[in-house]
Amino acid sequence: MALRMTERDIDGVIVLEIEGRIVLGEESNAFREKVKGLLAAGKKKIVLNLSQVSYIDSAGLGTLVATFHSARSQGATLKLANLGSKFKEVLQVTKLMTVFDTYDSETAAIQSFPK
C-alpha cells in the first residue's frame, strides 16, 4: 500500500496525516520530501498524525529521525500524535521516545505549541 499524506492547516500548525506504511524505498522518500517541502515553505509548526500508520521499519524510523533533526536545524518543531501501541513500543525499544515530542491526540499536540 502506498503512503498517503493529507495536509491540513489548523491555526498556523500544519497537521500531516499519514496513512499506510513508512518503509524503505518510495514510502520513506515520499515522506522525507513532503516534510522537506513544508520546511522549504517556511512552515515551523508541524504535527504528524500517525494514527493510520500500520507499520514502520528501521529505514522509516531513520527517515523520521532525519526529518526531526532537519526540522530542528531549520528552527521548526515536529511533534508526533496518535501513535499506535506497536509504534509506541518500537519507539520505546529503540529509546527514541525520549527524542520525539509525542502526544495522545492531534488536539493535544496542536495546543502544545506556544501561541
PDB file of N, CA and C in Angstrom:
ATOM      1  N   MET A   1       0.845  -1.193   0.000  1.00  0.00           N
ATOM      2  CA  MET A   1       0.000   0.000   0.000  1.00  0.00           C
ATOM      3  C   MET A   1       0.884   1.248   0.000  1.00  0.00           C
ATOM      4  N   ALA A   2       0.611   2.135  -0.891  1.00  0.00           N
ATOM      5  CA  ALA A   2       1.384   3.375  -0.965  1.00  0.00           C
ATOM      6  C   ALA A   2       1.081   4.249   0.249  1.00  0.00           C
ATOM      7  N   LEU A   3       2.021   5.085   0.580  1.00  0.00           N
ATOM      8  CA  LEU A   3       1.860   6.003   1.695  1.00  0.00           C
ATOM      9  C   LEU A   3       1.013   7.180   1.238  1.00  0.00           C
ATOM     10  N   ARG A   4      -0.049   7.474   2.006  1.00  0.00           N
ATOM     11  CA  ARG A   4      -0.889   8.627   1.673  1.00  0.00           C
ATOM     12  C   ARG A   4      -0.707   9.684   2.752  1.00  0.00           C
ATOM     13  N   MET A   5      -0.546  10.933   2.311  1.00  0.00           N
ATOM     14  CA  MET A   5      -0.357  12.026   3.256  1.00  0.00           C
ATOM     15  C   MET A   5      -1.348  13.137   2.958  1.00  0.00           C
ATOM     16  N   THR A   6      -2.046  13.565   3.997  1.00  0.00           N
ATOM     17  CA  THR A   6      -3.026  14.642   3.867  1.00  0.00           C
ATOM     18  C   THR A   6      -2.580  15.785   4.762  1.00  0.00           C
ATOM     19  N   GLU A   7      -2.513  16.964   4.173  1.00  0.00           N
ATOM     20  CA  GLU A   7      -2.018  18.132   4.900  1.00  0.00           C
ATOM     21  C   GLU A   7      -3.180  19.061   5.237  1.00  0.00           C
ATOM     22  N   ARG A   8      -3.215  19.511   6.497  1.00  0.00           N
ATOM     23  CA  ARG A   8      -4.222  20.487   6.934  1.00  0.00           C
ATOM     24  C   ARG A   8      -3.530  21.579   7.738  1.00  0.00           C
ATOM     25  N   ASP A   9      -4.073  22.787   7.676  1.00  0.00           N
ATOM     26  CA  ASP A   9      -3.540  23.903   8.455  1.00  0.00           C
ATOM     27  C   ASP A   9      -4.564  24.258   9.531  1.00  0.00           C
ATOM     28  N   ILE A  10      -4.177  24.078  10.789  1.00  0.00           N
ATOM     29  CA  ILE A  10      -5.072  24.402  11.902  1.00  0.00           C
ATOM     30  C   ILE A  10      -4.387  25.455  12.753  1.00  0.00           C
ATOM     31  N   ASP A  11      -4.900  26.681  12.687  1.00  0.00           N
ATOM     32  CA  ASP A  11      -4.340  27.798  13.458  1.00  0.00           C
ATOM     33  C   ASP A  11      -2.833  27.955  13.281  1.00  0.00           C
ATOM     34  N   GLY A  12      -2.358  27.815  12.049  1.00  0.00           N
ATOM     35  CA  GLY A  12      -0.934  28.001  11.774  1.00  0.00           C
ATOM     36  C   GLY A  12      -0.080  26.773  12.049  1.00  0.00           C
ATOM     37  N   VAL A  13      -0.710  25.695  12.490  1.00  0.00           N
ATOM     38  CA  VAL A  13       0.008  24.434  12.702  1.00  0.00           C
ATOM     39  C   VAL A  13      -0.342  23.504  11.547  1.00  0.00           C
ATOM     40  N   ILE A  14       0.673  22.983  10.893  1.00  0.00           N
ATOM     41  CA  ILE A  14       0.439  22.051   9.791  1.00  0.00           C
ATOM     42  C   ILE A  14       0.284  20.647  10.372  1.00  0.00           C
ATOM     43  N   VAL A  15      -0.852  20.031  10.090  1.00  0.00           N
ATOM     44  CA  VAL A  15      -1.080  18.650  10.520  1.00  0.00           C
ATOM     45  C   VAL A  15      -0.923  17.774   9.288  1.00  0.00           C
ATOM     46  N   LEU A  16       0.015  16.858   9.354  1.00  0.00           N
ATOM     47  CA  LEU A  16       0.251  15.929   8.257  1.00  0.00           C
ATOM     48  C   LEU A  16      -0.260  14.562   8.702  1.00  0.00           C
ATOM     49  N   GLU A  17      -1.393  14.168   8.111  1.00  0.00           N
ATOM     50  CA  GLU A  17      -1.984  12.875   8.454  1.00  0.00           C
ATOM     51  C   GLU A  17      -1.362  11.834   7.529  1.00  0.00           C
ATOM     52  N   ILE A  18      -0.775  10.814   8.129  1.00  0.00           N
ATOM     53  CA  ILE A  18      -0.054   9.809   7.355  1.00  0.00           C
ATOM     54  C   ILE A  18      -0.797   8.482   7.439  1.00  0.00           C
ATOM     55  N   GLU A  19      -0.975   7.860   6.286  1.00  0.00           N
ATOM     56  CA  GLU A  19      -1.715   6.606   6.227  1.00  0.00           C
ATOM     57  C   GLU A  19      -0.919   5.584   5.423  1.00  0.00           C
ATOM     58  N   GLY A  20      -0.730   4.403   5.990  1.00  0.00           N
ATOM     59  CA  GLY A  20      -0.003   3.344   5.291  1.00  0.00           C
ATOM     60  C   GLY A  20       1.222   2.898   6.053  1.00  0.00           C
ATOM     61  N   ARG A  21       2.249   2.530   5.306  1.00  0.00           N
ATOM     62  CA  ARG A  21       3.482   2.009   5.896  1.00  0.00           C
ATOM     63  C   ARG A  21       4.642   2.945   5.584  1.00  0.00           C
ATOM     64  N   ILE A  22       5.454   3.226   6.599  1.00  0.00           N
ATOM     65  CA  ILE A  22       6.662   4.025   6.378  1.00  0.00           C
ATOM     66  C   ILE A  22       7.815   3.020   6.321  1.00  0.00           C
ATOM     67  N   VAL A  23       8.176   2.659   5.096  1.00  0.00           N
ATOM     68  CA  VAL A  23       9.198   1.621   4.893  1.00  0.00           C
ATOM     69  C   VAL A  23      10.238   2.090   3.880  1.00  0.00           C
ATOM     70  N   LEU A  24      11.336   1.337   3.808  1.00  0.00           N
ATOM     71  CA  LEU A  24      12.422   1.643   2.881  1.00  0.00           C
ATOM     72  C   LEU A  24      11.890   1.766   1.458  1.00  0.00           C
ATOM     73  N   GLY A  25      12.392   2.768   0.748  1.00  0.00           N
ATOM     74  CA  GLY A  25      12.009   2.917  -0.657  1.00  0.00           C
ATOM     75  C   GLY A  25      11.130   4.125  -0.885  1.00  0.00           C
ATOM     76  N   GLU A  26      10.169   3.937  -1.764  1.00  0.00           N
ATOM     77  CA  GLU A  26       9.308   5.028  -2.207  1.00  0.00           C
ATOM     78  C   GLU A  26       8.572   5.713  -1.055  1.00  0.00           C
ATOM     79  N   GLU A  27       8.092   4.918  -0.088  1.00  0.00           N
ATOM     80  CA  GLU A  27       7.306   5.486   1.015  1.00  0.00           C
ATOM     81  C   GLU A  27       8.124   6.439   1.875  1.00  0.00           C
ATOM     82  N   SER A  28       9.294   5.985   2.323  1.00  0.00           N
ATOM     83  CA  SER A  28      10.084   6.868   3.185  1.00  0.00           C
ATOM     84  C   SER A  28      10.618   8.067   2.401  1.00  0.00           C
ATOM     85  N   ASN A  29      10.907   7.884   1.118  1.00  0.00           N
ATOM     86  CA  ASN A  29      11.347   9.015   0.282  1.00  0.00           C
ATOM     87  C   ASN A  29      10.232  10.040   0.129  1.00  0.00           C
ATOM     88  N   ALA A  30       9.009   9.572  -0.105  1.00  0.00           N
ATOM     89  CA  ALA A  30       7.864  10.474  -0.263  1.00  0.00           C
ATOM     90  C   ALA A  30       7.633  11.257   1.024  1.00  0.00           C
ATOM     91  N   PHE A  31       7.751  10.571   2.157  1.00  0.00           N
ATOM     92  CA  PHE A  31       7.574  11.211   3.458  1.00  0.00           C
ATOM     93  C   PHE A  31       8.643  12.286   3.678  1.00  0.00           C
ATOM     94  N   ARG A  32       9.901  11.937   3.403  1.00  0.00           N
ATOM     95  CA  ARG A  32      11.010  12.885   3.572  1.00  0.00           C
ATOM     96  C   ARG A  32      10.795  14.121   2.696  1.00  0.00           C
ATOM     97  N   GLU A  33      10.428  13.899   1.435  1.00  0.00           N
ATOM     98  CA  GLU A  33      10.217  15.008   0.502  1.00  0.00           C
ATOM     99  C   GLU A  33       9.063  15.906   0.936  1.00  0.00           C
ATOM    100  N   LYS A  34       8.006  15.310   1.468  1.00  0.00           N
ATOM    101  CA  LYS A  34       6.845  16.081   1.921  1.00  0.00           C
ATOM    102  C   LYS A  34       7.244  17.023   3.049  1.00  0.00           C
ATOM    103  N   VAL A  35       7.956  16.490   4.039  1.00  0.00           N
ATOM    104  CA  VAL A  35       8.374  17.322   5.175  1.00  0.00           C
ATOM    105  C   VAL A  35       9.376  18.380   4.711  1.00  0.00           C
ATOM    106  N   LYS A  36      10.283  17.997   3.815  1.00  0.00           N
ATOM    107  CA  LYS A  36      11.254  18.949   3.275  1.00  0.00           C
ATOM    108  C   LYS A  36      10.532  20.107   2.578  1.00  0.00           C
ATOM    109  N   GLY A  37       9.472  19.784   1.841  1.00  0.00           N
ATOM    110  CA  GLY A  37       8.674  20.810   1.157  1.00  0.00           C
ATOM    111  C   GLY A  37       7.997  21.758   2.132  1.00  0.00           C
ATOM    112  N   LEU A  38       7.478  21.208   3.233  1.00  0.00           N
ATOM    113  CA  LEU A  38       6.842  22.050   4.257  1.00  0.00           C
ATOM    114  C   LEU A  38       7.856  22.998   4.879  1.00  0.00           C
ATOM    115  N   LEU A  39       9.039  22.480   5.181  1.00  0.00           N
ATOM    116  CA  LEU A  39      10.092  23.313   5.773  1.00  0.00           C
ATOM    117  C   LEU A  39      10.538  24.395   4.795  1.00  0.00           C
ATOM    118  N   ALA A  40      10.664  24.022   3.517  1.00  0.00           N
ATOM    119  CA  ALA A  40      11.078  24.988   2.488  1.00  0.00           C
ATOM    120  C   ALA A  40      10.038  26.095   2.334  1.00  0.00           C
ATOM    121  N   ALA A  41       8.769  25.755   2.602  1.00  0.00           N
ATOM    122  CA  ALA A  41       7.689  26.743   2.503  1.00  0.00           C
ATOM    123  C   ALA A  41       7.589  27.605   3.763  1.00  0.00           C
ATOM    124  N   GLY A  42       8.529  27.378   4.694  1.00  0.00           N
ATOM    125  CA  GLY A  42       8.561  28.211   5.899  1.00  0.00           C
ATOM    126  C   GLY A  42       7.637  27.751   7.011  1.00  0.00           C
ATOM    127  N   LYS A  43       7.139  26.537   6.933  1.00  0.00           N
ATOM    128  CA  LYS A  43       6.264  26.012   7.985  1.00  0.00           C
ATOM    129  C   LYS A  43       7.127  25.617   9.179  1.00  0.00           C
ATOM    130  N   LYS A  44       6.808  26.171  10.353  1.00  0.00           N
ATOM    131  CA  LYS A  44       7.651  25.944  11.534  1.00  0.00           C
ATOM    132  C   LYS A  44       6.996  25.046  12.575  1.00  0.00           C
ATOM    133  N   LYS A  45       5.674  24.864  12.472  1.00  0.00           N
ATOM    134  CA  LYS A  45       4.957  24.039  13.457  1.00  0.00           C
ATOM    135  C   LYS A  45       4.288  22.893  12.720  1.00  0.00           C
ATOM    136  N   ILE A  46       4.802  21.682  12.934  1.00  0.00           N
ATOM    137  CA  ILE A  46       4.306  20.519  12.197  1.00  0.00           C
ATOM    138  C   ILE A  46       3.941  19.401  13.165  1.00  0.00           C
ATOM    139  N   VAL A  47       2.734  18.866  12.996  1.00  0.00           N
ATOM    140  CA  VAL A  47       2.293  17.705  13.771  1.00  0.00           C
ATOM    141  C   VAL A  47       2.095  16.553  12.802  1.00  0.00           C
ATOM    142  N   LEU A  48       2.699  15.413  13.107  1.00  0.00           N
ATOM    143  CA  LEU A  48       2.490  14.218  12.300  1.00  0.00           C
ATOM    144  C   LEU A  48       1.446  13.362  13.002  1.00  0.00           C
ATOM    145  N   ASN A  49       0.280  13.218  12.369  1.00  0.00           N
ATOM    146  CA  ASN A  49      -0.770  12.354  12.917  1.00  0.00           C
ATOM    147  C   ASN A  49      -0.512  10.954  12.374  1.00  0.00           C
ATOM    148  N   LEU A  50      -0.112  10.055  13.256  1.00  0.00           N
ATOM    149  CA  LEU A  50       0.323   8.727  12.846  1.00  0.00           C
ATOM    150  C   LEU A  50      -0.703   7.633  13.151  1.00  0.00           C
ATOM    151  N   SER A  51      -1.955   8.015  13.380  1.00  0.00           N
ATOM    152  CA  SER A  51      -2.981   7.034  13.771  1.00  0.00           C
ATOM    153  C   SER A  51      -3.229   5.979  12.698  1.00  0.00           C
ATOM    154  N   GLN A  52      -2.989   6.313  11.432  1.00  0.00           N
ATOM    155  CA  GLN A  52      -3.253   5.375  10.339  1.00  0.00           C
ATOM    156  C   GLN A  52      -1.993   4.701   9.793  1.00  0.00           C
ATOM    157  N   VAL A  53      -0.878   4.841  10.519  1.00  0.00           N
ATOM    158  CA  VAL A  53       0.351   4.168  10.084  1.00  0.00           C
ATOM    159  C   VAL A  53       0.290   2.725  10.575  1.00  0.00           C
ATOM    160  N   SER A  54       0.289   1.798   9.635  1.00  0.00           N
ATOM    161  CA  SER A  54       0.136   0.384  10.004  1.00  0.00           C
ATOM    162  C   SER A  54       1.470  -0.282  10.330  1.00  0.00           C
ATOM    163  N   TYR A  55       2.582   0.272   9.820  1.00  0.00           N
ATOM    164  CA  TYR A  55       3.877  -0.365  10.025  1.00  0.00           C
ATOM    165  C   TYR A  55       4.989   0.629   9.732  1.00  0.00           C
ATOM    166  N   ILE A  56       6.065   0.532  10.499  1.00  0.00           N
ATOM    167  CA  ILE A  56       7.257   1.330  10.210  1.00  0.00           C
ATOM    168  C   ILE A  56       8.470   0.417  10.380  1.00  0.00           C
ATOM    169  N   ASP A  57       9.378   0.435   9.407  1.00  0.00           N
ATOM    170  CA  ASP A  57      10.584  -0.391   9.521  1.00  0.00           C
ATOM    171  C   ASP A  57      11.756   0.487   9.960  1.00  0.00           C
ATOM    172  N   SER A  58      12.943  -0.101  10.040  1.00  0.00           N
ATOM    173  CA  SER A  58      14.104   0.653  10.534  1.00  0.00           C
ATOM    174  C   SER A  58      14.442   1.825   9.619  1.00  0.00           C
ATOM    175  N   ALA A  59      14.255   1.651   8.316  1.00  0.00           N
ATOM    176  CA  ALA A  59      14.517   2.758   7.379  1.00  0.00           C
ATOM    177  C   ALA A  59      13.503   3.881   7.611  1.00  0.00           C
ATOM    178  N   GLY A  60      12.266   3.511   7.875  1.00  0.00           N
ATOM    179  CA  GLY A  60      11.225   4.500   8.175  1.00  0.00           C
ATOM    180  C   GLY A  60      11.545   5.265   9.442  1.00  0.00           C
ATOM    181  N   LEU A  61      12.043   4.545  10.456  1.00  0.00           N
ATOM    182  CA  LEU A  61      12.455   5.199  11.704  1.00  0.00           C
ATOM    183  C   LEU A  61      13.606   6.155  11.447  1.00  0.00           C
ATOM    184  N   GLY A  62      14.546   5.713  10.629  1.00  0.00           N
ATOM    185  CA  GLY A  62      15.687   6.566  10.276  1.00  0.00           C
ATOM    186  C   GLY A  62      15.227   7.840   9.586  1.00  0.00           C
ATOM    187  N   THR A  63      14.258   7.698   8.699  1.00  0.00           N
ATOM    188  CA  THR A  63      13.704   8.856   7.994  1.00  0.00           C
ATOM    189  C   THR A  63      13.009   9.796   8.977  1.00  0.00           C
ATOM    190  N   LEU A  64      12.282   9.219   9.927  1.00  0.00           N
ATOM    191  CA  LEU A  64      11.588  10.016  10.935  1.00  0.00           C
ATOM    192  C   LEU A  64      12.590  10.818  11.764  1.00  0.00           C
ATOM    193  N   VAL A  65      13.663  10.170  12.179  1.00  0.00           N
ATOM    194  CA  VAL A  65      14.704  10.840  12.964  1.00  0.00           C
ATOM    195  C   VAL A  65      15.379  11.931  12.120  1.00  0.00           C
ATOM    196  N   ALA A  66      15.681  11.614  10.869  1.00  0.00           N
ATOM    197  CA  ALA A  66      16.340  12.586   9.979  1.00  0.00           C
ATOM    198  C   ALA A  66      15.462  13.816   9.753  1.00  0.00           C
ATOM    199  N   THR A  67      14.161  13.606   9.538  1.00  0.00           N
ATOM    200  CA  THR A  67      13.271  14.751   9.303  1.00  0.00           C
ATOM    201  C   THR A  67      13.121  15.574  10.580  1.00  0.00           C
ATOM    202  N   PHE A  68      13.130  14.897  11.725  1.00  0.00           N
ATOM    203  CA  PHE A  68      13.044  15.585  13.009  1.00  0.00           C
ATOM    204  C   PHE A  68      14.244  16.519  13.189  1.00  0.00           C
ATOM    205  N   HIS A  69      15.445  15.997  12.913  1.00  0.00           N
ATOM    206  CA  HIS A  69      16.666  16.811  13.061  1.00  0.00           C
ATOM    207  C   HIS A  69      16.732  17.911  12.011  1.00  0.00           C
ATOM    208  N   SER A  70      16.282  17.605  10.813  1.00  0.00           N
ATOM    209  CA  SER A  70      16.252  18.597   9.739  1.00  0.00           C
ATOM    210  C   SER A  70      15.330  19.756  10.126  1.00  0.00           C
ATOM    211  N   ALA A  71      14.165  19.414  10.676  1.00  0.00           N
ATOM    212  CA  ALA A  71      13.212  20.448  11.109  1.00  0.00           C
ATOM    213  C   ALA A  71      13.835  21.308  12.203  1.00  0.00           C
ATOM    214  N   ARG A  72      14.430  20.648  13.179  1.00  0.00           N
ATOM    215  CA  ARG A  72      15.031  21.376  14.310  1.00  0.00           C
ATOM    216  C   ARG A  72      16.142  22.315  13.830  1.00  0.00           C
ATOM    217  N   SER A  73      16.962  21.841  12.903  1.00  0.00           N
ATOM    218  CA  SER A  73      18.076  22.668  12.426  1.00  0.00           C
ATOM    219  C   SER A  73      17.587  23.881  11.641  1.00  0.00           C
ATOM    220  N   GLN A  74      16.339  23.820  11.156  1.00  0.00           N
ATOM    221  CA  GLN A  74      15.767  24.954  10.427  1.00  0.00           C
ATOM    222  C   GLN A  74      14.824  25.779  11.302  1.00  0.00           C
ATOM    223  N   GLY A  75      14.884  25.540  12.606  1.00  0.00           N
ATOM    224  CA  GLY A  75      14.077  26.321  13.542  1.00  0.00           C
ATOM    225  C   GLY A  75      12.616  25.905  13.591  1.00  0.00           C
ATOM    226  N   ALA A  76      12.312  24.728  13.096  1.00  0.00           N
ATOM    227  CA  ALA A  76      10.933  24.240  13.115  1.00  0.00           C
ATOM    228  C   ALA A  76      10.783  23.178  14.200  1.00  0.00           C
ATOM    229  N   THR A  77       9.537  22.893  14.562  1.00  0.00           N
ATOM    230  CA  THR A  77       9.256  21.874  15.571  1.00  0.00           C
ATOM    231  C   THR A  77       8.342  20.823  14.973  1.00  0.00           C
ATOM    232  N   LEU A  78       8.736  19.566  15.159  1.00  0.00           N
ATOM    233  CA  LEU A  78       7.981  18.429  14.645  1.00  0.00           C
ATOM    234  C   LEU A  78       7.481  17.627  15.845  1.00  0.00           C
ATOM    235  N   LYS A  79       6.177  17.390  15.909  1.00  0.00           N
ATOM    236  CA  LYS A  79       5.610  16.623  17.018  1.00  0.00           C
ATOM    237  C   LYS A  79       4.821  15.448  16.474  1.00  0.00           C
ATOM    238  N   LEU A  80       4.780  14.366  17.246  1.00  0.00           N
ATOM    239  CA  LEU A  80       4.069  13.159  16.828  1.00  0.00           C
ATOM    240  C   LEU A  80       2.786  13.003  17.638  1.00  0.00           C
ATOM    241  N   ALA A  81       1.706  12.626  16.951  1.00  0.00           N
ATOM    242  CA  ALA A  81       0.419  12.441  17.635  1.00  0.00           C
ATOM    243  C   ALA A  81      -0.213  11.120  17.215  1.00  0.00           C
ATOM    244  N   ASN A  82      -1.035  10.585  18.108  1.00  0.00           N
ATOM    245  CA  ASN A  82      -1.821   9.371  17.844  1.00  0.00           C
ATOM    246  C   ASN A  82      -0.965   8.164  17.467  1.00  0.00           C
ATOM    247  N   LEU A  83       0.047   7.907  18.262  1.00  0.00           N
ATOM    248  CA  LEU A  83       0.879   6.733  17.992  1.00  0.00           C
ATOM    249  C   LEU A  83       0.113   5.471  18.370  1.00  0.00           C
ATOM    250  N   GLY A  84       0.139   4.488  17.492  1.00  0.00           N
ATOM    251  CA  GLY A  84      -0.469   3.205  17.816  1.00  0.00           C
ATOM    252  C   GLY A  84       0.395   2.481  18.837  1.00  0.00           C
ATOM    253  N   SER A  85      -0.138   1.437  19.458  1.00  0.00           N
ATOM    254  CA  SER A  85       0.614   0.740  20.502  1.00  0.00           C
ATOM    255  C   SER A  85       1.899   0.109  19.959  1.00  0.00           C
ATOM    256  N   LYS A  86       1.859  -0.436  18.739  1.00  0.00           N
ATOM    257  CA  LYS A  86       3.060  -1.027  18.134  1.00  0.00           C
ATOM    258  C   LYS A  86       4.121   0.048  17.890  1.00  0.00           C
ATOM    259  N   PHE A  87       3.662   1.192  17.387  1.00  0.00           N
ATOM    260  CA  PHE A  87       4.549   2.316  17.092  1.00  0.00           C
ATOM    261  C   PHE A  87       5.215   2.789  18.381  1.00  0.00           C
ATOM    262  N   LYS A  88       4.416   2.944  19.440  1.00  0.00           N
ATOM    263  CA  LYS A  88       4.947   3.367  20.740  1.00  0.00           C
ATOM    264  C   LYS A  88       5.996   2.381  21.234  1.00  0.00           C
ATOM    265  N   GLU A  89       5.678   1.105  21.079  1.00  0.00           N
ATOM    266  CA  GLU A  89       6.575   0.040  21.518  1.00  0.00           C
ATOM    267  C   GLU A  89       7.931   0.147  20.797  1.00  0.00           C
ATOM    268  N   VAL A  90       7.880   0.359  19.478  1.00  0.00           N
ATOM    269  CA  VAL A  90       9.107   0.487  18.686  1.00  0.00           C
ATOM    270  C   VAL A  90       9.921   1.692  19.173  1.00  0.00           C
ATOM    271  N   LEU A  91       9.257   2.811  19.427  1.00  0.00           N
ATOM    272  CA  LEU A  91       9.973   3.999  19.905  1.00  0.00           C
ATOM    273  C   LEU A  91      10.571   3.775  21.288  1.00  0.00           C
ATOM    274  N   GLN A  92       9.873   3.008  22.133  1.00  0.00           N
ATOM    275  CA  GLN A  92      10.410   2.743  23.470  1.00  0.00           C
ATOM    276  C   GLN A  92      11.602   1.802  23.411  1.00  0.00           C
ATOM    277  N   VAL A  93      11.504   0.751  22.613  1.00  0.00           N
ATOM    278  CA  VAL A  93      12.593  -0.220  22.483  1.00  0.00           C
ATOM    279  C   VAL A  93      13.846   0.442  21.917  1.00  0.00           C
ATOM    280  N   THR A  94      13.661   1.333  20.947  1.00  0.00           N
ATOM    281  CA  THR A  94      14.806   1.995  20.313  1.00  0.00           C
ATOM    282  C   THR A  94      15.268   3.234  21.084  1.00  0.00           C
ATOM    283  N   LYS A  95      14.607   3.513  22.187  1.00  0.00           N
ATOM    284  CA  LYS A  95      14.909   4.683  23.033  1.00  0.00           C
ATOM    285  C   LYS A  95      14.648   6.015  22.309  1.00  0.00           C
ATOM    286  N   LEU A  96      13.839   5.980  21.260  1.00  0.00           N
ATOM    287  CA  LEU A  96      13.539   7.212  20.521  1.00  0.00           C
ATOM    288  C   LEU A  96      12.369   7.983  21.144  1.00  0.00           C
ATOM    289  N   MET A  97      11.681   7.343  22.084  1.00  0.00           N
ATOM    290  CA  MET A  97      10.555   8.004  22.748  1.00  0.00           C
ATOM    291  C   MET A  97      11.040   9.277  23.443  1.00  0.00           C
ATOM    292  N   THR A  98      12.313   9.273  23.880  1.00  0.00           N
ATOM    293  CA  THR A  98      12.859  10.440  24.580  1.00  0.00           C
ATOM    294  C   THR A  98      13.275  11.540  23.592  1.00  0.00           C
ATOM    295  N   VAL A  99      13.402  11.196  22.327  1.00  0.00           N
ATOM    296  CA  VAL A  99      13.834  12.158  21.307  1.00  0.00           C
ATOM    297  C   VAL A  99      12.645  12.984  20.812  1.00  0.00           C
ATOM    298  N   PHE A 100      11.533  12.297  20.556  1.00  0.00           N
ATOM    299  CA  PHE A 100      10.363  12.959  19.969  1.00  0.00           C
ATOM    300  C   PHE A 100       9.415  13.511  21.024  1.00  0.00           C
ATOM    301  N   ASP A 101       8.721  14.591  20.655  1.00  0.00           N
ATOM    302  CA  ASP A 101       7.595  15.077  21.456  1.00  0.00           C
ATOM    303  C   ASP A 101       6.384  14.291  20.984  1.00  0.00           C
ATOM    304  N   THR A 102       5.817  13.456  21.856  1.00  0.00           N
ATOM    305  CA  THR A 102       4.671  12.642  21.456  1.00  0.00           C
ATOM    306  C   THR A 102       3.434  13.015  22.259  1.00  0.00           C
ATOM    307  N   TYR A 103       2.292  12.942  21.603  1.00  0.00           N
ATOM    308  CA  TYR A 103       1.016  13.307  22.223  1.00  0.00           C
ATOM    309  C   TYR A 103      -0.028  12.256  21.892  1.00  0.00           C
ATOM    310  N   ASP A 104      -0.974  12.069  22.821  1.00  0.00           N
ATOM    311  CA  ASP A 104      -2.022  11.067  22.626  1.00  0.00           C
ATOM    312  C   ASP A 104      -3.048  11.482  21.590  1.00  0.00           C
ATOM    313  N   SER A 105      -3.164  12.793  21.362  1.00  0.00           N
ATOM    314  CA  SER A 105      -4.146  13.248  20.373  1.00  0.00           C
ATOM    315  C   SER A 105      -3.580  14.392  19.546  1.00  0.00           C
ATOM    316  N   GLU A 106      -4.166  14.565  18.385  1.00  0.00           N
ATOM    317  CA  GLU A 106      -3.771  15.652  17.489  1.00  0.00           C
ATOM    318  C   GLU A 106      -4.022  16.992  18.168  1.00  0.00           C
ATOM    319  N   THR A 107      -5.160  17.111  18.850  1.00  0.00           N
ATOM    320  CA  THR A 107      -5.536  18.344  19.526  1.00  0.00           C
ATOM    321  C   THR A 107      -4.494  18.714  20.590  1.00  0.00           C
ATOM    322  N   ALA A 108      -4.079  17.742  21.392  1.00  0.00           N
ATOM    323  CA  ALA A 108      -3.083  17.996  22.426  1.00  0.00           C
ATOM    324  C   ALA A 108      -1.764  18.471  21.805  1.00  0.00           C
ATOM    325  N   ALA A 109      -1.372  17.863  20.692  1.00  0.00           N
ATOM    326  CA  ALA A 109      -0.126  18.249  20.019  1.00  0.00           C
ATOM    327  C   ALA A 109      -0.221  19.683  19.506  1.00  0.00           C
ATOM    328  N   ILE A 110      -1.356  20.030  18.904  1.00  0.00           N
ATOM    329  CA  ILE A 110      -1.554  21.385  18.370  1.00  0.00           C
ATOM    330  C   ILE A 110      -1.522  22.414  19.498  1.00  0.00           C
ATOM    331  N   GLN A 111      -2.196  22.079  20.600  1.00  0.00           N
ATOM    332  CA  GLN A 111      -2.268  23.015  21.738  1.00  0.00           C
ATOM    333  C   GLN A 111      -0.941  23.181  22.463  1.00  0.00           C
ATOM    334  N   SER A 112      -0.019  22.244  22.252  1.00  0.00           N
ATOM    335  CA  SER A 112       1.272  22.321  22.939  1.00  0.00           C
ATOM    336  C   SER A 112       2.187  23.391  22.350  1.00  0.00           C
ATOM    337  N   PHE A 113       1.857  23.867  21.143  1.00  0.00           N
ATOM    338  CA  PHE A 113       2.663  24.931  20.547  1.00  0.00           C
ATOM    339  C   PHE A 113       2.336  26.259  21.211  1.00  0.00           C
ATOM    340  N   PRO A 114       3.359  27.086  21.464  1.00  0.00           N
ATOM    341  CA  PRO A 114       3.065  28.406  22.021  1.00  0.00           C
ATOM    342  C   PRO A 114       2.291  29.239  21.004  1.00  0.00           C
ATOM    343  N   LYS A 115       1.371  30.025  21.498  1.00  0.00           N
ATOM    344  CA  LYS A 115       0.528  30.851  20.602  1.00  0.00           C
ATOM    345  C   LYS A 115       1.311  32.025  20.067  1.00  0.00           C
TER     346      LYS A 115
END
